[in-house]
């Protein structure tokens, strides 16, 4: 990933990094904050797919104490998070 962020062919173009927050096969979680920080250091958007992890992890799109580690967009499957402890926040957000 790092070589693409530094490639001169993409200089001046807006880039989007989109990664899975966790694997639904292995259960391994991605280091969201480290990936987001790296992307933002190279003026790229940080997007994460929480379809597998959403019902089981806390989603913090703006972690305190880590400037530049924010998440620009998340992708969810609402039918999977319907009964999770985070549902009330997501339903409130979905109405905007």
C-alpha atoms as a PDB file:
ATOM      1  CA  UNK A   1       0.000   0.000   0.000  1.00  0.00           C
ATOM      2  CA  UNK A   2       2.775   2.409   0.908  1.00  0.00           C
ATOM      3  CA  UNK A   3       4.334   2.309  -2.573  1.00  0.00           C
ATOM      4  CA  UNK A   4       1.010   3.339  -4.151  1.00  0.00           C
ATOM      5  CA  UNK A   5       0.681   6.256  -1.748  1.00  0.00           C
ATOM      6  CA  UNK A   6       4.094   7.560  -2.819  1.00  0.00           C
ATOM      7  CA  UNK A   7       3.756   6.839  -6.550  1.00  0.00           C
ATOM      8  CA  UNK A   8       4.254  10.032  -8.568  1.00  0.00           C
ATOM      9  CA  UNK A   9       1.662   8.845 -11.115  1.00  0.00           C
ATOM     10  CA  UNK A  10      -1.044   9.497  -8.524  1.00  0.00           C
ATOM     11  CA  UNK A  11       0.297  12.814  -7.212  1.00  0.00           C
ATOM     12  CA  UNK A  12      -2.376  15.505  -7.088  1.00  0.00           C
ATOM     13  CA  UNK A  13      -5.221  12.997  -7.414  1.00  0.00           C
ATOM     14  CA  UNK A  14      -7.630  12.214  -4.597  1.00  0.00           C
ATOM     15  CA  UNK A  15      -7.133   8.675  -3.357  1.00  0.00           C
ATOM     16  CA  UNK A  16      -9.436   6.390  -1.417  1.00  0.00           C
ATOM     17  CA  UNK A  17      -8.254   3.527   0.762  1.00  0.00           C
ATOM     18  CA  UNK A  18     -10.984   1.005   1.519  1.00  0.00           C
ATOM     19  CA  UNK A  19     -10.255  -1.894   3.855  1.00  0.00           C
ATOM     20  CA  UNK A  20     -12.101  -4.513   5.854  1.00  0.00           C
ATOM     21  CA  UNK A  21     -12.241  -3.777   9.584  1.00  0.00           C
ATOM     22  CA  UNK A  22     -12.064  -7.524  10.302  1.00  0.00           C
ATOM     23  CA  UNK A  23     -12.102 -10.825   8.485  1.00  0.00           C
ATOM     24  CA  UNK A  24     -15.290 -12.845   8.745  1.00  0.00           C
ATOM     25  CA  UNK A  25     -13.207 -15.974   8.029  1.00  0.00           C
ATOM     26  CA  UNK A  26     -10.296 -15.658  10.469  1.00  0.00           C
ATOM     27  CA  UNK A  27     -11.720 -13.087  12.897  1.00  0.00           C
ATOM     28  CA  UNK A  28      -8.512 -11.079  12.610  1.00  0.00           C
ATOM     29  CA  UNK A  29      -9.063  -7.332  13.132  1.00  0.00           C
ATOM     30  CA  UNK A  30      -7.287  -4.666  11.086  1.00  0.00           C
ATOM     31  CA  UNK A  31      -5.319  -1.912  12.814  1.00  0.00           C
ATOM     32  CA  UNK A  32      -7.859   0.721  11.814  1.00  0.00           C
ATOM     33  CA  UNK A  33      -6.140   3.711  13.403  1.00  0.00           C
ATOM     34  CA  UNK A  34      -2.710   2.905  11.919  1.00  0.00           C
ATOM     35  CA  UNK A  35      -4.162   2.419   8.430  1.00  0.00           C
ATOM     36  CA  UNK A  36      -6.234   5.616   8.669  1.00  0.00           C
ATOM     37  CA  UNK A  37      -3.244   7.601   9.911  1.00  0.00           C
ATOM     38  CA  UNK A  38      -1.077   6.396   7.022  1.00  0.00           C
ATOM     39  CA  UNK A  39      -3.769   7.194   4.466  1.00  0.00           C
ATOM     40  CA  UNK A  40      -4.358  10.686   5.865  1.00  0.00           C
ATOM     41  CA  UNK A  41      -0.625  11.428   5.882  1.00  0.00           C
ATOM     42  CA  UNK A  42      -0.814  11.005   2.102  1.00  0.00           C
ATOM     43  CA  UNK A  43      -4.058  12.997   1.684  1.00  0.00           C
ATOM     44  CA  UNK A  44      -6.202   9.921   1.055  1.00  0.00           C
ATOM     45  CA  UNK A  45      -9.641   9.063   2.415  1.00  0.00           C
ATOM     46  CA  UNK A  46      -9.845   6.215   4.941  1.00  0.00           C
ATOM     47  CA  UNK A  47     -12.884   3.968   4.469  1.00  0.00           C
ATOM     48  CA  UNK A  48     -13.615   0.718   6.295  1.00  0.00           C
ATOM     49  CA  UNK A  49     -16.051  -2.127   5.767  1.00  0.00           C
ATOM     50  CA  UNK A  50     -17.595  -3.082   9.105  1.00  0.00           C
ATOM     51  CA  UNK A  51     -20.060  -5.624   7.702  1.00  0.00           C
ATOM     52  CA  UNK A  52     -18.383  -8.520   9.546  1.00  0.00           C
ATOM     53  CA  UNK A  53     -17.105  -6.642  12.604  1.00  0.00           C
ATOM     54  CA  UNK A  54     -19.924  -4.132  13.147  1.00  0.00           C
ATOM     55  CA  UNK A  55     -22.041  -6.198  15.544  1.00  0.00           C
ATOM     56  CA  UNK A  56     -19.068  -7.144  17.715  1.00  0.00           C
ATOM     57  CA  UNK A  57     -16.764  -4.134  18.017  1.00  0.00           C
ATOM     58  CA  UNK A  58     -17.075  -0.513  19.013  1.00  0.00           C
ATOM     59  CA  UNK A  59     -16.872   1.756  15.983  1.00  0.00           C
ATOM     60  CA  UNK A  60     -14.969   4.937  16.800  1.00  0.00           C
ATOM     61  CA  UNK A  61     -14.794   7.152  13.736  1.00  0.00           C
ATOM     62  CA  UNK A  62     -12.947   9.940  15.535  1.00  0.00           C
ATOM     63  CA  UNK A  63     -10.557   8.469  18.130  1.00  0.00           C
ATOM     64  CA  UNK A  64      -9.406  11.004  20.710  1.00  0.00           C
ATOM     65  CA  UNK A  65      -5.691  11.471  21.175  1.00  0.00           C
ATOM     66  CA  UNK A  66      -4.859  10.278  17.636  1.00  0.00           C
ATOM     67  CA  UNK A  67      -5.078  13.228  15.250  1.00  0.00           C
ATOM     68  CA  UNK A  68      -5.285  12.030  11.671  1.00  0.00           C
ATOM     69  CA  UNK A  69      -6.552   8.575  12.658  1.00  0.00           C
ATOM     70  CA  UNK A  70     -10.205   9.389  11.955  1.00  0.00           C
ATOM     71  CA  UNK A  71     -12.362   7.314   9.620  1.00  0.00           C
ATOM     72  CA  UNK A  72     -13.920   9.132   6.683  1.00  0.00           C
ATOM     73  CA  UNK A  73     -16.568   6.529   5.834  1.00  0.00           C
ATOM     74  CA  UNK A  74     -17.815   3.167   7.072  1.00  0.00           C
ATOM     75  CA  UNK A  75     -19.857   0.505   5.350  1.00  0.00           C
ATOM     76  CA  UNK A  76     -22.318  -1.602   7.330  1.00  0.00           C
ATOM     77  CA  UNK A  77     -24.907  -4.272   6.817  1.00  0.00           C
ATOM     78  CA  UNK A  78     -27.751  -3.031   8.990  1.00  0.00           C
ATOM     79  CA  UNK A  79     -29.449  -6.435   9.092  1.00  0.00           C
ATOM     80  CA  UNK A  80     -26.346  -7.770  10.865  1.00  0.00           C
ATOM     81  CA  UNK A  81     -26.185  -5.067  13.534  1.00  0.00           C
ATOM     82  CA  UNK A  82     -29.920  -4.956  14.282  1.00  0.00           C
ATOM     83  CA  UNK A  83     -29.506  -6.604  17.691  1.00  0.00           C
ATOM     84  CA  UNK A  84     -26.082  -5.281  18.670  1.00  0.00           C
ATOM     85  CA  UNK A  85     -25.383  -2.930  21.553  1.00  0.00           C
ATOM     86  CA  UNK A  86     -24.526  -0.151  19.059  1.00  0.00           C
ATOM     87  CA  UNK A  87     -27.863  -0.267  17.209  1.00  0.00           C
ATOM     88  CA  UNK A  88     -29.387   2.756  18.964  1.00  0.00           C
ATOM     89  CA  UNK A  89     -26.551   4.998  17.771  1.00  0.00           C
ATOM     90  CA  UNK A  90     -26.664   3.696  14.215  1.00  0.00           C
ATOM     91  CA  UNK A  91     -30.435   4.054  13.954  1.00  0.00           C
ATOM     92  CA  UNK A  92     -30.194   7.645  15.164  1.00  0.00           C
ATOM     93  CA  UNK A  93     -27.446   8.340  12.616  1.00  0.00           C
ATOM     94  CA  UNK A  94     -29.383   6.680   9.783  1.00  0.00           C
ATOM     95  CA  UNK A  95     -32.232   9.205  10.122  1.00  0.00           C
ATOM     96  CA  UNK A  96     -30.110  12.174   9.062  1.00  0.00           C
END
